[in-house]
Structure formats: structure tokens, C-alpha cells
Full PDB file with SEQRES, HELIX, SHEET, SSBOND, CRYST1, ORIGX, SCALE, CONECT and MASTER records, all heavy atoms in Angstrom:
SEQRES   1 A   41  LEU THR SER TYR ARG GLY THR PRO LEU SER PRO THR ALA          
SEQRES   2 A   41  THR GLN ALA GLY ALA ALA ILE ALA ALA ALA ILE ALA GLN          
SEQRES   3 A   41  PRO ARG GLN GLY LEU PRO LEU PRO ALA ASP CYS SER GLY          
SEQRES   4 A   41  GLN ASP                                                      
HELIX    1 AA1 PRO A   11  ALA A   25  1                                  15    
HELIX    2 AA2 ALA A   35  GLN A   40  5                                   6    
CRYST1    1.000    1.000    1.000  90.00  90.00  90.00 P 1           1          
ORIGX1      1.000000  0.000000  0.000000        0.00000                         
ORIGX2      0.000000  1.000000  0.000000        0.00000                         
ORIGX3      0.000000  0.000000  1.000000        0.00000                         
SCALE1      1.000000  0.000000  0.000000        0.00000                         
SCALE2      0.000000  1.000000  0.000000        0.00000                         
SCALE3      0.000000  0.000000  1.000000        0.00000                         
ATOM      1  N   LEU A   1      16.982  67.349  15.460  1.00  0.00           N  
ATOM      2  CA  LEU A   1      18.078  68.026  16.136  1.00  0.00           C  
ATOM      3  C   LEU A   1      19.389  67.364  15.756  1.00  0.00           C  
ATOM      4  O   LEU A   1      19.448  66.152  15.535  1.00  0.00           O  
ATOM      5  CB  LEU A   1      17.907  67.962  17.662  1.00  0.00           C  
ATOM      6  CG  LEU A   1      16.822  68.827  18.291  1.00  0.00           C  
ATOM      7  CD1 LEU A   1      16.657  68.470  19.761  1.00  0.00           C  
ATOM      8  CD2 LEU A   1      17.126  70.320  18.131  1.00  0.00           C  
ATOM      9  N   THR A   2      20.445  68.159  15.696  1.00  0.00           N  
ATOM     10  CA  THR A   2      21.763  67.615  15.392  1.00  0.00           C  
ATOM     11  C   THR A   2      22.810  68.378  16.184  1.00  0.00           C  
ATOM     12  O   THR A   2      22.520  69.392  16.812  1.00  0.00           O  
ATOM     13  CB  THR A   2      22.057  67.680  13.875  1.00  0.00           C  
ATOM     14  OG1 THR A   2      23.237  66.935  13.579  1.00  0.00           O  
ATOM     15  CG2 THR A   2      22.215  69.118  13.406  1.00  0.00           C  
ATOM     16  N   SER A   3      24.058  67.883  16.128  1.00  0.00           N  
ATOM     17  CA  SER A   3      25.158  68.518  16.830  1.00  0.00           C  
ATOM     18  C   SER A   3      26.424  68.319  16.017  1.00  0.00           C  
ATOM     19  O   SER A   3      26.374  68.009  14.817  1.00  0.00           O  
ATOM     20  CB  SER A   3      25.300  67.940  18.242  1.00  0.00           C  
ATOM     21  OG  SER A   3      26.261  68.660  18.991  1.00  0.00           O  
ATOM     22  N   TYR A   4      27.582  68.479  16.655  1.00  0.00           N  
ATOM     23  CA  TYR A   4      28.857  68.288  15.968  1.00  0.00           C  
ATOM     24  C   TYR A   4      28.976  66.864  15.424  1.00  0.00           C  
ATOM     25  O   TYR A   4      28.397  65.921  15.969  1.00  0.00           O  
ATOM     26  CB  TYR A   4      30.017  68.543  16.929  1.00  0.00           C  
ATOM     27  CG  TYR A   4      30.140  69.962  17.422  1.00  0.00           C  
ATOM     28  CD1 TYR A   4      30.157  70.238  18.788  1.00  0.00           C  
ATOM     29  CD2 TYR A   4      30.270  71.028  16.533  1.00  0.00           C  
ATOM     30  CE1 TYR A   4      30.301  71.535  19.259  1.00  0.00           C  
ATOM     31  CE2 TYR A   4      30.405  72.322  16.991  1.00  0.00           C  
ATOM     32  CZ  TYR A   4      30.418  72.577  18.347  1.00  0.00           C  
ATOM     33  OH  TYR A   4      30.559  73.860  18.816  1.00  0.00           O  
ATOM     34  N   ARG A   5      29.751  66.720  14.367  1.00  0.00           N  
ATOM     35  CA  ARG A   5      30.011  65.401  13.804  1.00  0.00           C  
ATOM     36  C   ARG A   5      30.609  64.486  14.868  1.00  0.00           C  
ATOM     37  O   ARG A   5      31.529  64.864  15.589  1.00  0.00           O  
ATOM     38  CB  ARG A   5      31.003  65.504  12.640  1.00  0.00           C  
ATOM     39  CG  ARG A   5      30.437  66.178  11.395  1.00  0.00           C  
ATOM     40  CD  ARG A   5      31.449  66.129  10.260  1.00  0.00           C  
ATOM     41  NE  ARG A   5      30.922  66.730   9.042  1.00  0.00           N  
ATOM     42  CZ  ARG A   5      31.535  66.681   7.862  1.00  0.00           C  
ATOM     43  NH1 ARG A   5      32.699  66.054   7.758  1.00  0.00           N  
ATOM     44  NH2 ARG A   5      30.998  67.259   6.809  1.00  0.00           N  
ATOM     45  N   GLY A   6      30.067  63.303  14.956  1.00  0.00           N  
ATOM     46  CA  GLY A   6      30.593  62.328  15.900  1.00  0.00           C  
ATOM     47  C   GLY A   6      30.116  62.504  17.321  1.00  0.00           C  
ATOM     48  O   GLY A   6      30.516  61.737  18.193  1.00  0.00           O  
ATOM     49  N   THR A   7      29.273  63.497  17.567  1.00  0.00           N  
ATOM     50  CA  THR A   7      28.763  63.725  18.915  1.00  0.00           C  
ATOM     51  C   THR A   7      27.389  63.068  19.054  1.00  0.00           C  
ATOM     52  O   THR A   7      26.426  63.503  18.407  1.00  0.00           O  
ATOM     53  CB  THR A   7      28.641  65.226  19.219  1.00  0.00           C  
ATOM     54  OG1 THR A   7      29.923  65.833  19.096  1.00  0.00           O  
ATOM     55  CG2 THR A   7      28.098  65.453  20.619  1.00  0.00           C  
ATOM     56  N   PRO A   8      27.261  62.035  19.851  1.00  0.00           N  
ATOM     57  CA  PRO A   8      25.955  61.388  20.014  1.00  0.00           C  
ATOM     58  C   PRO A   8      25.007  62.285  20.809  1.00  0.00           C  
ATOM     59  O   PRO A   8      25.418  63.008  21.710  1.00  0.00           O  
ATOM     60  CB  PRO A   8      26.281  60.108  20.787  1.00  0.00           C  
ATOM     61  CG  PRO A   8      27.539  60.439  21.529  1.00  0.00           C  
ATOM     62  CD  PRO A   8      28.317  61.380  20.657  1.00  0.00           C  
ATOM     63  N   LEU A   9      23.737  62.243  20.443  1.00  0.00           N  
ATOM     64  CA  LEU A   9      22.736  63.026  21.158  1.00  0.00           C  
ATOM     65  C   LEU A   9      22.311  62.286  22.426  1.00  0.00           C  
ATOM     66  O   LEU A   9      22.268  61.053  22.461  1.00  0.00           O  
ATOM     67  CB  LEU A   9      21.513  63.264  20.280  1.00  0.00           C  
ATOM     68  CG  LEU A   9      21.724  64.001  18.954  1.00  0.00           C  
ATOM     69  CD1 LEU A   9      20.371  64.360  18.344  1.00  0.00           C  
ATOM     70  CD2 LEU A   9      22.578  65.241  19.114  1.00  0.00           C  
ATOM     71  N   SER A  10      21.982  63.043  23.443  1.00  0.00           N  
ATOM     72  CA  SER A  10      21.472  62.451  24.672  1.00  0.00           C  
ATOM     73  C   SER A  10      20.103  61.841  24.400  1.00  0.00           C  
ATOM     74  O   SER A  10      19.446  62.170  23.395  1.00  0.00           O  
ATOM     75  CB  SER A  10      21.350  63.521  25.752  1.00  0.00           C  
ATOM     76  OG  SER A  10      20.332  64.458  25.410  1.00  0.00           O  
ATOM     77  N   PRO A  11      19.624  60.947  25.267  1.00  0.00           N  
ATOM     78  CA  PRO A  11      18.299  60.370  25.052  1.00  0.00           C  
ATOM     79  C   PRO A  11      17.198  61.430  24.932  1.00  0.00           C  
ATOM     80  O   PRO A  11      16.302  61.303  24.097  1.00  0.00           O  
ATOM     81  CB  PRO A  11      18.101  59.489  26.286  1.00  0.00           C  
ATOM     82  CG  PRO A  11      19.492  59.109  26.697  1.00  0.00           C  
ATOM     83  CD  PRO A  11      20.332  60.313  26.404  1.00  0.00           C  
ATOM     84  N   THR A  12      17.277  62.471  25.752  1.00  0.00           N  
ATOM     85  CA  THR A  12      16.255  63.514  25.679  1.00  0.00           C  
ATOM     86  C   THR A  12      16.338  64.257  24.353  1.00  0.00           C  
ATOM     87  O   THR A  12      15.315  64.534  23.717  1.00  0.00           O  
ATOM     88  CB  THR A  12      16.419  64.506  26.839  1.00  0.00           C  
ATOM     89  OG1 THR A  12      16.286  63.795  28.077  1.00  0.00           O  
ATOM     90  CG2 THR A  12      15.370  65.603  26.780  1.00  0.00           C  
ATOM     91  N   ALA A  13      17.556  64.599  23.900  1.00  0.00           N  
ATOM     92  CA  ALA A  13      17.717  65.287  22.623  1.00  0.00           C  
ATOM     93  C   ALA A  13      17.256  64.398  21.470  1.00  0.00           C  
ATOM     94  O   ALA A  13      16.652  64.872  20.499  1.00  0.00           O  
ATOM     95  CB  ALA A  13      19.162  65.705  22.428  1.00  0.00           C  
ATOM     96  N   THR A  14      17.529  63.110  21.575  1.00  0.00           N  
ATOM     97  CA  THR A  14      17.087  62.168  20.539  1.00  0.00           C  
ATOM     98  C   THR A  14      15.566  62.131  20.459  1.00  0.00           C  
ATOM     99  O   THR A  14      14.973  62.156  19.370  1.00  0.00           O  
ATOM    100  CB  THR A  14      17.638  60.769  20.825  1.00  0.00           C  
ATOM    101  OG1 THR A  14      19.073  60.818  20.819  1.00  0.00           O  
ATOM    102  CG2 THR A  14      17.156  59.766  19.791  1.00  0.00           C  
ATOM    103  N   GLN A  15      14.928  62.076  21.617  1.00  0.00           N  
ATOM    104  CA  GLN A  15      13.470  62.030  21.651  1.00  0.00           C  
ATOM    105  C   GLN A  15      12.884  63.341  21.140  1.00  0.00           C  
ATOM    106  O   GLN A  15      11.906  63.348  20.374  1.00  0.00           O  
ATOM    107  CB  GLN A  15      13.008  61.755  23.078  1.00  0.00           C  
ATOM    108  CG  GLN A  15      11.523  61.403  23.190  1.00  0.00           C  
ATOM    109  CD  GLN A  15      11.131  61.023  24.601  1.00  0.00           C  
ATOM    110  OE1 GLN A  15      11.925  61.157  25.531  1.00  0.00           O  
ATOM    111  NE2 GLN A  15       9.901  60.558  24.785  1.00  0.00           N  
ATOM    112  N   ALA A  16      13.481  64.452  21.547  1.00  0.00           N  
ATOM    113  CA  ALA A  16      13.005  65.748  21.064  1.00  0.00           C  
ATOM    114  C   ALA A  16      13.185  65.862  19.560  1.00  0.00           C  
ATOM    115  O   ALA A  16      12.300  66.337  18.840  1.00  0.00           O  
ATOM    116  CB  ALA A  16      13.753  66.878  21.769  1.00  0.00           C  
ATOM    117  N   GLY A  17      14.337  65.409  19.063  1.00  0.00           N  
ATOM    118  CA  GLY A  17      14.585  65.459  17.626  1.00  0.00           C  
ATOM    119  C   GLY A  17      13.591  64.642  16.832  1.00  0.00           C  
ATOM    120  O   GLY A  17      13.140  65.055  15.760  1.00  0.00           O  
ATOM    121  N   ALA A  18      13.232  63.483  17.347  1.00  0.00           N  
ATOM    122  CA  ALA A  18      12.252  62.650  16.663  1.00  0.00           C  
ATOM    123  C   ALA A  18      10.891  63.334  16.608  1.00  0.00           C  
ATOM    124  O   ALA A  18      10.188  63.283  15.588  1.00  0.00           O  
ATOM    125  CB  ALA A  18      12.141  61.294  17.368  1.00  0.00           C  
ATOM    126  N   ALA A  19      10.500  63.995  17.707  1.00  0.00           N  
ATOM    127  CA  ALA A  19       9.222  64.713  17.723  1.00  0.00           C  
ATOM    128  C   ALA A  19       9.243  65.875  16.752  1.00  0.00           C  
ATOM    129  O   ALA A  19       8.256  66.147  16.054  1.00  0.00           O  
ATOM    130  CB  ALA A  19       8.921  65.194  19.141  1.00  0.00           C  
ATOM    131  N   ILE A  20      10.365  66.581  16.677  1.00  0.00           N  
ATOM    132  CA  ILE A  20      10.484  67.701  15.737  1.00  0.00           C  
ATOM    133  C   ILE A  20      10.437  67.192  14.303  1.00  0.00           C  
ATOM    134  O   ILE A  20       9.757  67.771  13.441  1.00  0.00           O  
ATOM    135  CB  ILE A  20      11.786  68.475  16.010  1.00  0.00           C  
ATOM    136  CG1 ILE A  20      11.719  69.169  17.369  1.00  0.00           C  
ATOM    137  CG2 ILE A  20      12.036  69.512  14.920  1.00  0.00           C  
ATOM    138  CD1 ILE A  20      13.039  69.719  17.849  1.00  0.00           C  
ATOM    139  N   ALA A  21      11.151  66.113  14.013  1.00  0.00           N  
ATOM    140  CA  ALA A  21      11.132  65.544  12.660  1.00  0.00           C  
ATOM    141  C   ALA A  21       9.723  65.136  12.256  1.00  0.00           C  
ATOM    142  O   ALA A  21       9.312  65.335  11.099  1.00  0.00           O  
ATOM    143  CB  ALA A  21      12.080  64.346  12.587  1.00  0.00           C  
ATOM    144  N   ALA A  22       8.978  64.556  13.195  1.00  0.00           N  
ATOM    145  CA  ALA A  22       7.586  64.170  12.896  1.00  0.00           C  
ATOM    146  C   ALA A  22       6.739  65.394  12.595  1.00  0.00           C  
ATOM    147  O   ALA A  22       5.869  65.357  11.707  1.00  0.00           O  
ATOM    148  CB  ALA A  22       7.018  63.388  14.079  1.00  0.00           C  
ATOM    149  N   ALA A  23       6.976  66.475  13.314  1.00  0.00           N  
ATOM    150  CA  ALA A  23       6.223  67.706  13.061  1.00  0.00           C  
ATOM    151  C   ALA A  23       6.570  68.291  11.702  1.00  0.00           C  
ATOM    152  O   ALA A  23       5.684  68.758  10.961  1.00  0.00           O  
ATOM    153  CB  ALA A  23       6.503  68.722  14.166  1.00  0.00           C  
ATOM    154  N   ILE A  24       7.854  68.260  11.334  1.00  0.00           N  
ATOM    155  CA  ILE A  24       8.269  68.765  10.025  1.00  0.00           C  
ATOM    156  C   ILE A  24       7.610  67.978   8.903  1.00  0.00           C  
ATOM    157  O   ILE A  24       7.223  68.536   7.873  1.00  0.00           O  
ATOM    158  CB  ILE A  24       9.810  68.695   9.892  1.00  0.00           C  
ATOM    159  CG1 ILE A  24      10.471  69.645  10.889  1.00  0.00           C  
ATOM    160  CG2 ILE A  24      10.260  69.028   8.475  1.00  0.00           C  
ATOM    161  CD1 ILE A  24      11.978  69.456  11.016  1.00  0.00           C  
ATOM    162  N   ALA A  25       7.451  66.701   9.105  1.00  0.00           N  
ATOM    163  CA  ALA A  25       6.882  65.834   8.065  1.00  0.00           C  
ATOM    164  C   ALA A  25       5.413  66.124   7.793  1.00  0.00           C  
ATOM    165  O   ALA A  25       4.894  65.786   6.724  1.00  0.00           O  
ATOM    166  CB  ALA A  25       7.054  64.372   8.468  1.00  0.00           C  
ATOM    167  N   GLN A  26       4.718  66.749   8.742  1.00  0.00           N  
ATOM    168  CA  GLN A  26       3.301  67.041   8.584  1.00  0.00           C  
ATOM    169  C   GLN A  26       3.092  68.379   7.865  1.00  0.00           C  
ATOM    170  O   GLN A  26       3.791  69.342   8.149  1.00  0.00           O  
ATOM    171  CB  GLN A  26       2.616  67.095   9.951  1.00  0.00           C  
ATOM    172  CG  GLN A  26       2.628  65.786  10.694  1.00  0.00           C  
ATOM    173  CD  GLN A  26       1.905  64.688   9.938  1.00  0.00           C  
ATOM    174  OE1 GLN A  26       0.793  64.895   9.450  1.00  0.00           O  
ATOM    175  NE2 GLN A  26       2.537  63.525   9.833  1.00  0.00           N  
ATOM    176  N   PRO A  27       2.149  68.460   6.936  1.00  0.00           N  
ATOM    177  CA  PRO A  27       1.869  69.750   6.295  1.00  0.00           C  
ATOM    178  C   PRO A  27       1.229  70.716   7.281  1.00  0.00           C  
ATOM    179  O   PRO A  27       0.680  70.307   8.308  1.00  0.00           O  
ATOM    180  CB  PRO A  27       0.891  69.383   5.175  1.00  0.00           C  
ATOM    181  CG  PRO A  27       0.218  68.137   5.665  1.00  0.00           C  
ATOM    182  CD  PRO A  27       1.265  67.387   6.448  1.00  0.00           C  
ATOM    183  N   ARG A  28       1.323  71.995   6.971  1.00  0.00           N  
ATOM    184  CA  ARG A  28       0.704  73.005   7.829  1.00  0.00           C  
ATOM    185  C   ARG A  28      -0.173  73.897   6.972  1.00  0.00           C  
ATOM    186  O   ARG A  28       0.273  74.461   5.974  1.00  0.00           O  
ATOM    187  CB  ARG A  28       1.770  73.856   8.538  1.00  0.00           C  
ATOM    188  CG  ARG A  28       1.162  74.887   9.490  1.00  0.00           C  
ATOM    189  CD  ARG A  28       2.211  75.845  10.035  1.00  0.00           C  
ATOM    190  NE  ARG A  28       2.804  76.628   8.976  1.00  0.00           N  
ATOM    191  CZ  ARG A  28       4.108  76.815   8.812  1.00  0.00           C  
ATOM    192  NH1 ARG A  28       4.952  76.243   9.633  1.00  0.00           N  
ATOM    193  NH2 ARG A  28       4.565  77.548   7.821  1.00  0.00           N  
ATOM    194  N   GLN A  29      -1.428  74.007   7.375  1.00  0.00           N  
ATOM    195  CA  GLN A  29      -2.330  74.931   6.695  1.00  0.00           C  
ATOM    196  C   GLN A  29      -1.962  76.360   7.053  1.00  0.00           C  
ATOM    197  O   GLN A  29      -1.244  76.622   8.000  1.00  0.00           O  
ATOM    198  CB  GLN A  29      -3.772  74.648   7.103  1.00  0.00           C  
ATOM    199  CG  GLN A  29      -4.289  73.289   6.684  1.00  0.00           C  
ATOM    200  CD  GLN A  29      -5.733  73.073   7.101  1.00  0.00           C  
ATOM    201  OE1 GLN A  29      -6.270  73.846   7.877  1.00  0.00           O  
ATOM    202  NE2 GLN A  29      -6.332  72.021   6.579  1.00  0.00           N  
ATOM    203  N   GLY A  30      -2.472  77.296   6.257  1.00  0.00           N  
ATOM    204  CA  GLY A  30      -2.257  78.694   6.563  1.00  0.00           C  
ATOM    205  C   GLY A  30      -2.810  79.038   7.931  1.00  0.00           C  
ATOM    206  O   GLY A  30      -3.840  78.514   8.358  1.00  0.00           O  
ATOM    207  N   LEU A  31      -2.106  79.912   8.661  1.00  0.00           N  
ATOM    208  CA  LEU A  31      -2.498  80.267  10.014  1.00  0.00           C  
ATOM    209  C   LEU A  31      -3.606  81.321  10.005  1.00  0.00           C  
ATOM    210  O   LEU A  31      -3.615  82.216   9.154  1.00  0.00           O  
ATOM    211  CB  LEU A  31      -1.295  80.804  10.788  1.00  0.00           C  
ATOM    212  CG  LEU A  31      -0.084  79.869  10.853  1.00  0.00           C  
ATOM    213  CD1 LEU A  31       1.071  80.564  11.567  1.00  0.00           C  
ATOM    214  CD2 LEU A  31      -0.444  78.566  11.553  1.00  0.00           C  
ATOM    215  N   PRO A  32      -4.536  81.241  10.940  1.00  0.00           N  
ATOM    216  CA  PRO A  32      -5.551  82.290  11.065  1.00  0.00           C  
ATOM    217  C   PRO A  32      -4.879  83.630  11.346  1.00  0.00           C  
ATOM    218  O   PRO A  32      -3.894  83.698  12.088  1.00  0.00           O  
ATOM    219  CB  PRO A  32      -6.404  81.829  12.252  1.00  0.00           C  
ATOM    220  CG  PRO A  32      -6.116  80.365  12.401  1.00  0.00           C  
ATOM    221  CD  PRO A  32      -4.711  80.167  11.952  1.00  0.00           C  
ATOM    222  N   LEU A  33      -5.401  84.687  10.777  1.00  0.00           N  
ATOM    223  CA  LEU A  33      -4.798  86.007  10.929  1.00  0.00           C  
ATOM    224  C   LEU A  33      -5.460  86.756  12.076  1.00  0.00           C  
ATOM    225  O   LEU A  33      -6.642  87.069  12.028  1.00  0.00           O  
ATOM    226  CB  LEU A  33      -4.959  86.808   9.638  1.00  0.00           C  
ATOM    227  CG  LEU A  33      -4.106  88.074   9.545  1.00  0.00           C  
ATOM    228  CD1 LEU A  33      -2.629  87.714   9.427  1.00  0.00           C  
ATOM    229  CD2 LEU A  33      -4.538  88.924   8.353  1.00  0.00           C  
ATOM    230  N   PRO A  34      -4.694  87.039  13.150  1.00  0.00           N  
ATOM    231  CA  PRO A  34      -5.274  87.821  14.244  1.00  0.00           C  
ATOM    232  C   PRO A  34      -5.705  89.206  13.759  1.00  0.00           C  
ATOM    233  O   PRO A  34      -5.161  89.740  12.794  1.00  0.00           O  
ATOM    234  CB  PRO A  34      -4.112  87.929  15.244  1.00  0.00           C  
ATOM    235  CG  PRO A  34      -3.179  86.831  14.888  1.00  0.00           C  
ATOM    236  CD  PRO A  34      -3.305  86.660  13.408  1.00  0.00           C  
ATOM    237  N   ALA A  35      -6.668  89.780  14.453  1.00  0.00           N  
ATOM    238  CA  ALA A  35      -7.164  91.102  14.058  1.00  0.00           C  
ATOM    239  C   ALA A  35      -6.047  92.136  14.042  1.00  0.00           C  
ATOM    240  O   ALA A  35      -6.032  93.038  13.195  1.00  0.00           O  
ATOM    241  CB  ALA A  35      -8.272  91.535  15.022  1.00  0.00           C  
ATOM    242  N   ASP A  36      -5.085  92.009  14.959  1.00  0.00           N  
ATOM    243  CA  ASP A  36      -4.002  92.979  15.017  1.00  0.00           C  
ATOM    244  C   ASP A  36      -3.073  92.913  13.810  1.00  0.00           C  
ATOM    245  O   ASP A  36      -2.239  93.808  13.625  1.00  0.00           O  
ATOM    246  CB  ASP A  36      -3.186  92.770  16.293  1.00  0.00           C  
ATOM    247  CG  ASP A  36      -3.926  93.255  17.536  1.00  0.00           C  
ATOM    248  OD1 ASP A  36      -5.003  93.854  17.379  1.00  0.00           O  
ATOM    249  OD2 ASP A  36      -3.429  93.024  18.651  1.00  0.00           O  
ATOM    250  N   CYS A  37      -3.192  91.869  13.019  1.00  0.00           N  
ATOM    251  CA  CYS A  37      -2.350  91.742  11.829  1.00  0.00           C  
ATOM    252  C   CYS A  37      -3.067  92.188  10.552  1.00  0.00           C  
ATOM    253  O   CYS A  37      -2.451  92.213   9.481  1.00  0.00           O  
ATOM    254  CB  CYS A  37      -1.893  90.296  11.654  1.00  0.00           C  
ATOM    255  SG  CYS A  37      -0.793  89.673  12.948  1.00  0.00           S  
ATOM    256  N   SER A  38      -4.343  92.508  10.649  1.00  0.00           N  
ATOM    257  CA  SER A  38      -5.118  92.792   9.438  1.00  0.00           C  
ATOM    258  C   SER A  38      -4.588  93.992   8.668  1.00  0.00           C  
ATOM    259  O   SER A  38      -4.640  94.027   7.435  1.00  0.00           O  
ATOM    260  CB  SER A  38      -6.590  93.003   9.789  1.00  0.00           C  
ATOM    261  OG  SER A  38      -6.740  94.099  10.676  1.00  0.00           O  
ATOM    262  N   GLY A  39      -4.064  94.975   9.373  1.00  0.00           N  
ATOM    263  CA  GLY A  39      -3.532  96.146   8.696  1.00  0.00           C  
ATOM    264  C   GLY A  39      -2.288  95.874   7.885  1.00  0.00           C  
ATOM    265  O   GLY A  39      -1.895  96.690   7.041  1.00  0.00           O  
ATOM    266  N   GLN A  40      -1.644  94.729   8.132  1.00  0.00           N  
ATOM    267  CA  GLN A  40      -0.432  94.350   7.394  1.00  0.00           C  
ATOM    268  C   GLN A  40      -0.748  93.543   6.143  1.00  0.00           C  
ATOM    269  O   GLN A  40       0.157  93.200   5.380  1.00  0.00           O  
ATOM    270  CB  GLN A  40       0.476  93.515   8.309  1.00  0.00           C  
ATOM    271  CG  GLN A  40       0.977  94.230   9.536  1.00  0.00           C  
ATOM    272  CD  GLN A  40       2.164  95.129   9.227  1.00  0.00           C  
ATOM    273  OE1 GLN A  40       2.589  95.254   8.083  1.00  0.00           O  
ATOM    274  NE2 GLN A  40       2.691  95.770  10.242  1.00  0.00           N  
ATOM    275  N   ASP A  41      -2.022  93.244   5.925  1.00  0.00           N  
ATOM    276  CA  ASP A  41      -2.432  92.335   4.852  1.00  0.00           C  
ATOM    277  C   ASP A  41      -2.483  93.067   3.514  1.00  0.00           C  
ATOM    278  O   ASP A  41      -3.560  93.372   2.992  1.00  0.00           O  
ATOM    279  CB  ASP A  41      -3.786  91.721   5.205  1.00  0.00           C  
ATOM    280  CG  ASP A  41      -4.123  90.513   4.343  1.00  0.00           C  
ATOM    281  OD1 ASP A  41      -3.269  90.093   3.548  1.00  0.00           O  
ATOM    282  OD2 ASP A  41      -5.253  89.993   4.480  1.00  0.00           O  
TER     283      ASP A  41                                                      
MASTER        0    0    0    2    0    0    0    6  282    1    0    4          
END                                                                             
């Protein structure tokens, strides 16, 4: 997470940003396709 230049993030935003960054760093396998999406395949 980020904000305006020079604007410090709150502790909660900092913690949330760190969790999001960790998630971005992890690869993601292809998602299972629900039956309702099969016609779009």
C-alpha cells in the first residue's frame, strides 16, 4: 500500500501493506474453473 509522497502510513496500513506485498511475492496457480464459467472457455 502507498499514499501521497511524504505521507507516512498508519500502523494498520503498514501492516496491511506488508501482508499484501508478501502475497504478491508468492506465485499463484491457475484458478479452478466453476461450472458456471465453462461456457466461456
